[in-house]
Amino acid sequence: GLDWQEQMRLLVPTIQLASSRRGDRVDIIYQNGGRYLRVLFTDAKTGEQSTGEFYFTPNDSTVQFRVGTISAGPAGLVSSSMKNMERCEMIRKEMRYQKLPILRN
């Protein structure tokens, strides 16, 4: 299965690398040594901020994550959402995670 401790150890520098490639700043908001991580992304061009949450599910090999805008820039929420999707894709690809469809009932 997924060794969440090893994955968490790799995730933080990967988030930092993906952010630096975009010129963005990333700050760790919460990391307690457990399965949950919260970060703050600050867009280099617009200054808009987004929060990212990552959670390694117990007894599973999936990583749950979400990134949402805290303060939208002058281009608005649609632009912010696109930037966050790009951010997530960069992190996912860098970590070599497979994309899974979201199932809802």
N, C-alpha and C. Protein backbone atom coordinates (compact mmCIF):
# COMPACT_ATOMS: atom_id res chain seq x y z
N GLY A 1 0.81 -1.20 0.00
CA GLY A 1 0.00 0.00 0.00
C GLY A 1 0.85 1.26 0.00
N LEU A 2 0.21 2.34 0.16
CA LEU A 2 0.84 3.65 0.16
C LEU A 2 1.48 3.92 1.51
N ASP A 3 2.77 4.18 1.52
CA ASP A 3 3.45 4.58 2.75
C ASP A 3 3.25 6.09 2.91
N TRP A 4 2.22 6.46 3.66
CA TRP A 4 1.84 7.86 3.75
C TRP A 4 2.94 8.73 4.34
N GLN A 5 3.75 8.17 5.24
CA GLN A 5 4.82 8.97 5.84
C GLN A 5 5.87 9.35 4.80
N GLU A 6 6.23 8.39 3.95
CA GLU A 6 7.19 8.68 2.88
C GLU A 6 6.58 9.66 1.88
N GLN A 7 5.31 9.46 1.56
CA GLN A 7 4.63 10.36 0.61
C GLN A 7 4.54 11.78 1.17
N MET A 8 4.27 11.91 2.45
CA MET A 8 4.20 13.24 3.07
C MET A 8 5.57 13.90 3.06
N ARG A 9 6.61 13.10 3.30
CA ARG A 9 7.97 13.63 3.28
C ARG A 9 8.31 14.18 1.89
N LEU A 10 7.80 13.54 0.85
CA LEU A 10 8.06 13.98 -0.53
C LEU A 10 7.13 15.12 -0.97
N LEU A 11 5.93 15.16 -0.39
CA LEU A 11 4.92 16.12 -0.84
C LEU A 11 5.34 17.57 -0.60
N VAL A 12 5.84 17.88 0.58
CA VAL A 12 6.17 19.28 0.91
C VAL A 12 7.20 19.86 -0.06
N PRO A 13 8.35 19.19 -0.30
CA PRO A 13 9.29 19.77 -1.27
C PRO A 13 8.74 19.80 -2.69
N THR A 14 7.85 18.87 -3.02
CA THR A 14 7.25 18.87 -4.36
C THR A 14 6.32 20.07 -4.53
N ILE A 15 5.54 20.38 -3.51
CA ILE A 15 4.68 21.57 -3.55
C ILE A 15 5.54 22.82 -3.68
N GLN A 16 6.63 22.87 -2.92
CA GLN A 16 7.53 24.03 -2.99
C GLN A 16 8.16 24.15 -4.38
N LEU A 17 8.56 23.04 -4.98
CA LEU A 17 9.16 23.04 -6.31
C LEU A 17 8.16 23.52 -7.36
N ALA A 18 6.95 22.94 -7.34
CA ALA A 18 5.92 23.33 -8.31
C ALA A 18 5.58 24.82 -8.17
N SER A 19 5.52 25.30 -6.94
CA SER A 19 5.21 26.72 -6.71
C SER A 19 6.33 27.62 -7.21
N SER A 20 7.58 27.22 -6.96
CA SER A 20 8.70 28.05 -7.41
C SER A 20 8.77 28.11 -8.93
N ARG A 21 8.40 27.03 -9.59
CA ARG A 21 8.39 27.04 -11.07
C ARG A 21 7.38 28.04 -11.61
N ARG A 22 6.30 28.24 -10.87
CA ARG A 22 5.29 29.22 -11.27
C ARG A 22 5.65 30.62 -10.76
N GLY A 23 6.67 30.70 -9.90
CA GLY A 23 7.03 31.98 -9.30
C GLY A 23 6.19 32.30 -8.08
N ASP A 24 5.36 31.35 -7.65
CA ASP A 24 4.47 31.57 -6.51
C ASP A 24 5.17 31.32 -5.20
N ARG A 25 4.61 31.85 -4.15
CA ARG A 25 5.09 31.58 -2.80
C ARG A 25 4.17 30.55 -2.15
N VAL A 26 4.75 29.67 -1.35
CA VAL A 26 3.95 28.70 -0.60
C VAL A 26 4.41 28.72 0.85
N ASP A 27 3.45 28.75 1.75
CA ASP A 27 3.74 28.71 3.19
C ASP A 27 3.00 27.53 3.79
N ILE A 28 3.68 26.79 4.65
CA ILE A 28 3.04 25.70 5.37
C ILE A 28 2.22 26.32 6.49
N ILE A 29 0.92 26.07 6.48
CA ILE A 29 0.04 26.60 7.52
C ILE A 29 -0.07 25.60 8.67
N TYR A 30 -0.22 24.32 8.32
CA TYR A 30 -0.40 23.31 9.35
C TYR A 30 0.19 21.98 8.89
N GLN A 31 1.05 21.44 9.71
CA GLN A 31 1.60 20.11 9.48
C GLN A 31 2.00 19.57 10.84
N ASN A 32 1.29 18.56 11.30
CA ASN A 32 1.53 18.06 12.65
C ASN A 32 2.29 16.73 12.66
N GLY A 33 2.86 16.35 11.55
CA GLY A 33 3.54 15.06 11.48
C GLY A 33 2.60 13.93 11.17
N GLY A 34 1.33 14.25 10.97
CA GLY A 34 0.33 13.23 10.65
C GLY A 34 0.01 13.19 9.17
N ARG A 35 -1.19 12.76 8.88
CA ARG A 35 -1.64 12.53 7.50
C ARG A 35 -2.17 13.78 6.80
N TYR A 36 -2.24 14.92 7.51
CA TYR A 36 -2.88 16.12 6.97
C TYR A 36 -1.88 17.26 6.84
N LEU A 37 -2.01 17.98 5.73
CA LEU A 37 -1.14 19.13 5.46
C LEU A 37 -2.00 20.26 4.89
N ARG A 38 -1.80 21.47 5.38
CA ARG A 38 -2.48 22.65 4.82
C ARG A 38 -1.42 23.67 4.45
N VAL A 39 -1.54 24.23 3.24
CA VAL A 39 -0.59 25.22 2.76
C VAL A 39 -1.32 26.44 2.23
N LEU A 40 -0.60 27.55 2.14
CA LEU A 40 -1.12 28.79 1.58
C LEU A 40 -0.29 29.13 0.35
N PHE A 41 -0.97 29.24 -0.79
CA PHE A 41 -0.32 29.64 -2.04
C PHE A 41 -0.57 31.12 -2.26
N THR A 42 0.46 31.86 -2.65
CA THR A 42 0.31 33.27 -3.03
C THR A 42 0.81 33.42 -4.45
N ASP A 43 -0.08 33.82 -5.34
CA ASP A 43 0.25 33.97 -6.76
C ASP A 43 1.24 35.12 -6.94
N ALA A 44 2.30 34.86 -7.67
CA ALA A 44 3.37 35.85 -7.85
C ALA A 44 2.92 37.07 -8.63
N LYS A 45 2.01 36.88 -9.58
CA LYS A 45 1.62 37.99 -10.45
C LYS A 45 0.50 38.84 -9.86
N THR A 46 -0.48 38.17 -9.23
CA THR A 46 -1.67 38.90 -8.79
C THR A 46 -1.74 39.08 -7.27
N GLY A 47 -0.96 38.30 -6.52
CA GLY A 47 -1.02 38.37 -5.07
C GLY A 47 -2.21 37.62 -4.48
N GLU A 48 -3.06 37.03 -5.35
CA GLU A 48 -4.21 36.31 -4.82
C GLU A 48 -3.75 35.08 -4.03
N GLN A 49 -4.55 34.74 -3.03
CA GLN A 49 -4.16 33.64 -2.15
C GLN A 49 -5.16 32.49 -2.24
N SER A 50 -4.62 31.29 -2.14
CA SER A 50 -5.42 30.07 -2.13
C SER A 50 -4.88 29.15 -1.06
N THR A 51 -5.77 28.38 -0.48
CA THR A 51 -5.35 27.40 0.51
C THR A 51 -5.44 26.00 -0.10
N GLY A 52 -4.47 25.18 0.22
CA GLY A 52 -4.45 23.80 -0.25
C GLY A 52 -4.45 22.85 0.92
N GLU A 53 -5.25 21.79 0.83
CA GLU A 53 -5.30 20.78 1.86
C GLU A 53 -5.03 19.42 1.24
N PHE A 54 -4.21 18.62 1.90
CA PHE A 54 -3.82 17.31 1.42
C PHE A 54 -3.99 16.33 2.57
N TYR A 55 -4.63 15.17 2.29
CA TYR A 55 -4.89 14.19 3.34
C TYR A 55 -4.65 12.79 2.79
N PHE A 56 -3.81 12.03 3.49
CA PHE A 56 -3.53 10.65 3.13
C PHE A 56 -4.51 9.76 3.89
N THR A 57 -5.42 9.15 3.18
CA THR A 57 -6.50 8.36 3.75
C THR A 57 -5.96 7.08 4.40
N PRO A 58 -6.35 6.79 5.66
CA PRO A 58 -5.90 5.54 6.30
C PRO A 58 -6.42 4.31 5.56
N ASN A 59 -5.60 3.27 5.53
CA ASN A 59 -5.96 2.00 4.90
C ASN A 59 -6.39 2.15 3.45
N ASP A 60 -5.77 3.07 2.74
CA ASP A 60 -6.11 3.34 1.35
C ASP A 60 -4.86 3.83 0.65
N SER A 61 -4.89 3.85 -0.66
CA SER A 61 -3.74 4.34 -1.42
C SER A 61 -4.07 5.63 -2.16
N THR A 62 -5.06 6.36 -1.66
CA THR A 62 -5.43 7.62 -2.31
C THR A 62 -5.02 8.81 -1.45
N VAL A 63 -4.86 9.93 -2.12
CA VAL A 63 -4.57 11.20 -1.46
C VAL A 63 -5.75 12.11 -1.78
N GLN A 64 -6.41 12.59 -0.76
CA GLN A 64 -7.48 13.55 -0.97
C GLN A 64 -6.88 14.94 -0.90
N PHE A 65 -7.28 15.81 -1.82
CA PHE A 65 -6.77 17.18 -1.78
C PHE A 65 -7.77 18.13 -2.39
N ARG A 66 -7.65 19.36 -1.97
CA ARG A 66 -8.46 20.44 -2.56
C ARG A 66 -7.68 21.72 -2.42
N VAL A 67 -7.89 22.60 -3.37
CA VAL A 67 -7.28 23.92 -3.36
C VAL A 67 -8.38 24.92 -3.68
N GLY A 68 -8.52 25.92 -2.84
CA GLY A 68 -9.57 26.91 -3.03
C GLY A 68 -9.06 28.31 -2.82
N THR A 69 -9.65 29.24 -3.55
CA THR A 69 -9.25 30.64 -3.50
C THR A 69 -9.75 31.31 -2.23
N ILE A 70 -8.86 32.04 -1.57
CA ILE A 70 -9.22 32.83 -0.40
C ILE A 70 -9.55 34.26 -0.84
N SER A 71 -8.66 34.82 -1.68
CA SER A 71 -8.86 36.18 -2.18
C SER A 71 -8.59 36.17 -3.68
N ALA A 72 -9.64 36.40 -4.45
CA ALA A 72 -9.50 36.40 -5.91
C ALA A 72 -8.79 37.66 -6.37
N GLY A 73 -8.01 37.52 -7.41
CA GLY A 73 -7.32 38.67 -7.99
C GLY A 73 -8.25 39.46 -8.89
N PRO A 74 -7.70 40.43 -9.60
CA PRO A 74 -8.52 41.29 -10.46
C PRO A 74 -9.20 40.54 -11.60
N ALA A 75 -8.68 39.37 -11.99
CA ALA A 75 -9.27 38.60 -13.09
C ALA A 75 -10.50 37.81 -12.65
N GLY A 76 -10.74 37.70 -11.35
CA GLY A 76 -11.94 37.05 -10.85
C GLY A 76 -11.76 35.59 -10.50
N LEU A 77 -12.87 34.98 -10.06
CA LEU A 77 -12.84 33.61 -9.56
C LEU A 77 -12.55 32.56 -10.62
N VAL A 78 -13.02 32.76 -11.85
CA VAL A 78 -12.77 31.77 -12.90
C VAL A 78 -11.28 31.66 -13.17
N SER A 79 -10.61 32.79 -13.25
CA SER A 79 -9.16 32.79 -13.44
C SER A 79 -8.46 32.13 -12.27
N SER A 80 -8.92 32.41 -11.05
CA SER A 80 -8.34 31.81 -9.85
C SER A 80 -8.52 30.30 -9.88
N SER A 81 -9.70 29.84 -10.27
CA SER A 81 -9.96 28.40 -10.34
C SER A 81 -9.05 27.72 -11.34
N MET A 82 -8.83 28.36 -12.48
CA MET A 82 -7.94 27.78 -13.49
C MET A 82 -6.51 27.69 -12.97
N LYS A 83 -6.07 28.73 -12.29
CA LYS A 83 -4.71 28.71 -11.72
C LYS A 83 -4.58 27.59 -10.69
N ASN A 84 -5.61 27.39 -9.88
CA ASN A 84 -5.57 26.34 -8.88
C ASN A 84 -5.58 24.96 -9.52
N MET A 85 -6.33 24.80 -10.60
CA MET A 85 -6.33 23.52 -11.31
C MET A 85 -4.94 23.24 -11.90
N GLU A 86 -4.32 24.26 -12.47
CA GLU A 86 -2.96 24.11 -13.01
C GLU A 86 -1.98 23.75 -11.90
N ARG A 87 -2.11 24.41 -10.77
CA ARG A 87 -1.26 24.16 -9.61
C ARG A 87 -1.38 22.69 -9.17
N CYS A 88 -2.61 22.23 -9.04
CA CYS A 88 -2.87 20.84 -8.63
C CYS A 88 -2.29 19.85 -9.62
N GLU A 89 -2.46 20.12 -10.90
CA GLU A 89 -1.93 19.22 -11.93
C GLU A 89 -0.41 19.15 -11.87
N MET A 90 0.24 20.28 -11.65
CA MET A 90 1.70 20.29 -11.55
C MET A 90 2.17 19.44 -10.38
N ILE A 91 1.49 19.58 -9.25
CA ILE A 91 1.86 18.81 -8.07
C ILE A 91 1.59 17.32 -8.30
N ARG A 92 0.43 17.00 -8.85
CA ARG A 92 0.06 15.61 -9.12
C ARG A 92 1.08 14.94 -10.04
N LYS A 93 1.43 15.61 -11.12
CA LYS A 93 2.38 15.04 -12.08
C LYS A 93 3.77 14.89 -11.48
N GLU A 94 4.19 15.88 -10.71
CA GLU A 94 5.51 15.82 -10.08
C GLU A 94 5.60 14.66 -9.09
N MET A 95 4.51 14.38 -8.39
CA MET A 95 4.46 13.27 -7.44
C MET A 95 4.21 11.93 -8.14
N ARG A 96 3.89 11.99 -9.43
CA ARG A 96 3.59 10.80 -10.24
C ARG A 96 2.33 10.07 -9.75
N TYR A 97 1.37 10.85 -9.31
CA TYR A 97 0.09 10.28 -8.88
C TYR A 97 -0.81 10.09 -10.08
N GLN A 98 -1.56 9.02 -10.06
CA GLN A 98 -2.54 8.75 -11.11
C GLN A 98 -3.80 9.54 -10.80
N LYS A 99 -4.44 10.06 -11.84
CA LYS A 99 -5.67 10.81 -11.67
C LYS A 99 -6.83 9.81 -11.57
N LEU A 100 -7.66 9.97 -10.56
CA LEU A 100 -8.83 9.10 -10.37
C LEU A 100 -10.10 9.93 -10.52
N PRO A 101 -11.12 9.33 -11.13
CA PRO A 101 -12.39 10.07 -11.22
C PRO A 101 -13.04 10.19 -9.83
N ILE A 102 -13.75 11.26 -9.64
CA ILE A 102 -14.46 11.47 -8.39
C ILE A 102 -15.84 10.86 -8.54
N LEU A 103 -16.18 9.95 -7.65
CA LEU A 103 -17.48 9.30 -7.69
C LEU A 103 -18.38 9.93 -6.65
N ARG A 104 -19.57 10.30 -7.09
CA ARG A 104 -20.55 10.90 -6.17
C ARG A 104 -21.85 10.16 -6.31
N ASN A 105 -22.59 10.09 -5.23
CA ASN A 105 -23.90 9.43 -5.32
C ASN A 105 -25.02 10.43 -5.26
